[in-house]
Amino acid sequence: QVRLVESGGDLVQAGGSLRLSCAASGDTICISTMRWYRQAPEKERELVAALTSGGSTSYADSVKDRFTISGDNGWNTVYLQMNNLRPEDTAVYYCNAEALCAGWAHGPYNYWGRGTQVTASS
């Protein structure tokens, strides 16, 4: 089991910055990849950024060069630094963990936080 809690969402003006945090607890040693997703009203949830246990990162084209995903050792906290925010970045941002431990039936399993609202006003 992995539990995720996001924080850091806020209302900012376009061009501003925010840093989201995702606090992980439980079987964090089993996590292989952490991801940030977002979902705007009446739109599909989309992948924003990913970070693997090996340190590789990937980003959606729409956020490249503006957002940075990072994490501390041991997956205790994962961050999403968001710079030069645009109105189209407005969404609920969700943290996701993919995890699999020896002895677990099936898997890997995906765990989700409850989200944090980011609003960038024009």
Protein backbone atom coordinates (compact mmCIF):
# COMPACT_ATOMS: atom_id res chain seq x y z
CA GLN A 1 0.00 0.00 0.00
CA VAL A 2 1.16 3.51 -0.85
CA ARG A 3 -0.56 6.66 0.33
CA LEU A 4 -0.12 9.96 -1.47
CA VAL A 5 -1.04 13.47 -0.34
CA GLU A 6 -0.61 16.48 -2.65
CA SER A 7 -0.20 20.08 -1.54
CA GLY A 8 0.89 23.44 -2.90
CA GLY A 9 -1.93 24.26 -5.28
CA ASP A 10 -3.03 27.89 -5.35
CA LEU A 11 -4.35 30.76 -7.45
CA VAL A 12 -1.58 32.66 -9.25
CA GLN A 13 -1.35 35.14 -12.07
CA ALA A 14 -0.19 34.00 -15.47
CA GLY A 15 3.59 34.04 -15.57
CA GLY A 16 3.86 33.09 -11.93
CA SER A 17 5.33 29.99 -10.29
CA LEU A 18 4.17 27.27 -7.91
CA ARG A 19 5.76 24.20 -6.40
CA LEU A 20 3.55 21.20 -5.80
CA SER A 21 4.51 18.52 -3.30
CA CYS A 22 3.43 14.90 -3.08
CA ALA A 23 4.10 13.23 0.26
CA ALA A 24 4.30 9.45 0.00
CA SER A 25 4.01 6.96 2.85
CA GLY A 26 3.63 3.23 3.27
CA ASP A 27 5.50 0.85 0.96
CA THR A 28 7.48 3.62 -0.72
CA ILE A 29 10.44 1.29 -1.20
CA CYS A 30 8.30 -0.54 -3.78
CA ILE A 31 7.75 2.52 -5.97
CA SER A 32 9.32 2.40 -9.43
CA THR A 33 7.85 5.53 -11.01
CA MET A 34 6.14 8.67 -9.76
CA ARG A 35 4.01 10.79 -12.05
CA TRP A 36 2.06 14.02 -12.01
CA TYR A 37 -1.21 14.15 -13.93
CA ARG A 38 -3.70 16.96 -14.34
CA GLN A 39 -7.34 17.22 -15.24
CA ALA A 40 -9.07 20.40 -16.37
CA PRO A 41 -12.86 20.74 -16.29
CA GLU A 42 -14.53 18.65 -18.99
CA LYS A 43 -11.19 17.31 -20.21
CA GLU A 44 -9.43 13.97 -19.95
CA ARG A 45 -6.77 13.44 -17.31
CA GLU A 46 -3.36 13.96 -18.91
CA LEU A 47 0.16 12.98 -17.96
CA VAL A 48 2.32 15.99 -17.12
CA ALA A 49 5.63 14.59 -15.88
CA ALA A 50 7.24 11.35 -14.72
CA LEU A 51 10.26 10.41 -12.62
CA THR A 52 11.69 6.88 -12.42
CA SER A 53 13.64 5.29 -9.59
CA GLY A 54 16.69 5.52 -11.85
CA GLY A 55 16.33 9.29 -12.08
CA SER A 56 14.96 9.54 -15.62
CA THR A 57 12.41 12.25 -16.26
CA SER A 58 9.90 12.89 -19.01
CA TYR A 59 7.44 15.70 -19.72
CA ALA A 60 4.41 16.50 -21.79
CA ASP A 61 5.33 18.78 -24.70
CA SER A 62 3.04 21.48 -23.31
CA VAL A 63 5.10 21.84 -20.11
CA LYS A 64 8.64 21.16 -21.29
CA ASP A 65 11.12 23.85 -20.25
CA ARG A 66 8.58 25.25 -17.76
CA PHE A 67 7.94 22.39 -15.30
CA THR A 68 10.47 20.26 -13.41
CA ILE A 69 9.77 17.03 -11.54
CA SER A 70 12.12 16.01 -8.74
CA GLY A 71 12.17 13.82 -5.67
CA ASP A 72 14.11 13.23 -2.51
CA ASN A 73 15.90 9.98 -1.72
CA GLY A 74 13.53 7.17 -0.82
CA TRP A 75 10.45 8.61 -2.51
CA ASN A 76 9.30 10.42 0.63
CA THR A 77 8.35 13.52 -1.34
CA VAL A 78 8.07 14.30 -5.04
CA TYR A 79 7.86 17.85 -6.32
CA LEU A 80 6.60 19.59 -9.41
CA GLN A 81 8.13 23.02 -9.91
CA MET A 82 5.94 25.00 -12.29
CA ASN A 83 7.25 28.23 -13.81
CA ASN A 84 5.74 30.66 -16.27
CA LEU A 85 2.25 29.34 -15.60
CA ARG A 86 -0.38 29.85 -18.26
CA PRO A 87 -4.18 29.91 -17.98
CA GLU A 88 -4.27 26.58 -19.83
CA ASP A 89 -2.30 25.01 -16.96
CA THR A 90 -5.37 25.47 -14.75
CA ALA A 91 -6.43 22.04 -13.51
CA VAL A 92 -6.51 19.68 -10.57
CA TYR A 93 -3.07 18.10 -10.29
CA TYR A 94 -2.79 14.50 -9.12
CA CYS A 95 0.19 12.53 -7.89
CA ASN A 96 0.50 8.92 -9.02
CA ALA A 97 2.80 6.13 -7.87
CA GLU A 98 3.46 2.88 -9.69
CA ALA A 99 4.66 0.21 -7.28
CA LEU A 100 5.43 -3.47 -7.13
CA CYS A 101 7.03 -5.44 -4.31
CA ALA A 102 8.20 -9.04 -4.22
CA GLY A 103 5.42 -11.10 -2.77
CA TRP A 104 2.58 -8.92 -3.98
CA ALA A 105 -0.08 -10.71 -5.97
CA HIS A 106 -0.16 -9.39 -9.53
CA GLY A 107 0.82 -5.75 -10.04
CA PRO A 108 2.33 -3.32 -10.59
CA TYR A 109 -0.28 -1.26 -8.78
CA ASN A 110 -1.13 2.37 -9.31
CA TYR A 111 -1.91 4.65 -6.37
CA TRP A 112 -3.42 8.12 -6.52
CA GLY A 113 -3.65 11.16 -4.31
CA ARG A 114 -6.80 13.28 -4.06
CA GLY A 115 -5.40 16.19 -6.03
CA THR A 116 -4.60 19.86 -5.53
CA GLN A 117 -6.13 22.75 -7.48
CA VAL A 118 -3.90 25.01 -9.56
CA THR A 119 -5.43 28.10 -11.13
CA ALA A 120 -3.46 30.49 -13.34
CA SER A 121 -5.45 33.64 -14.07
CA SER A 122 -4.92 35.79 -17.15
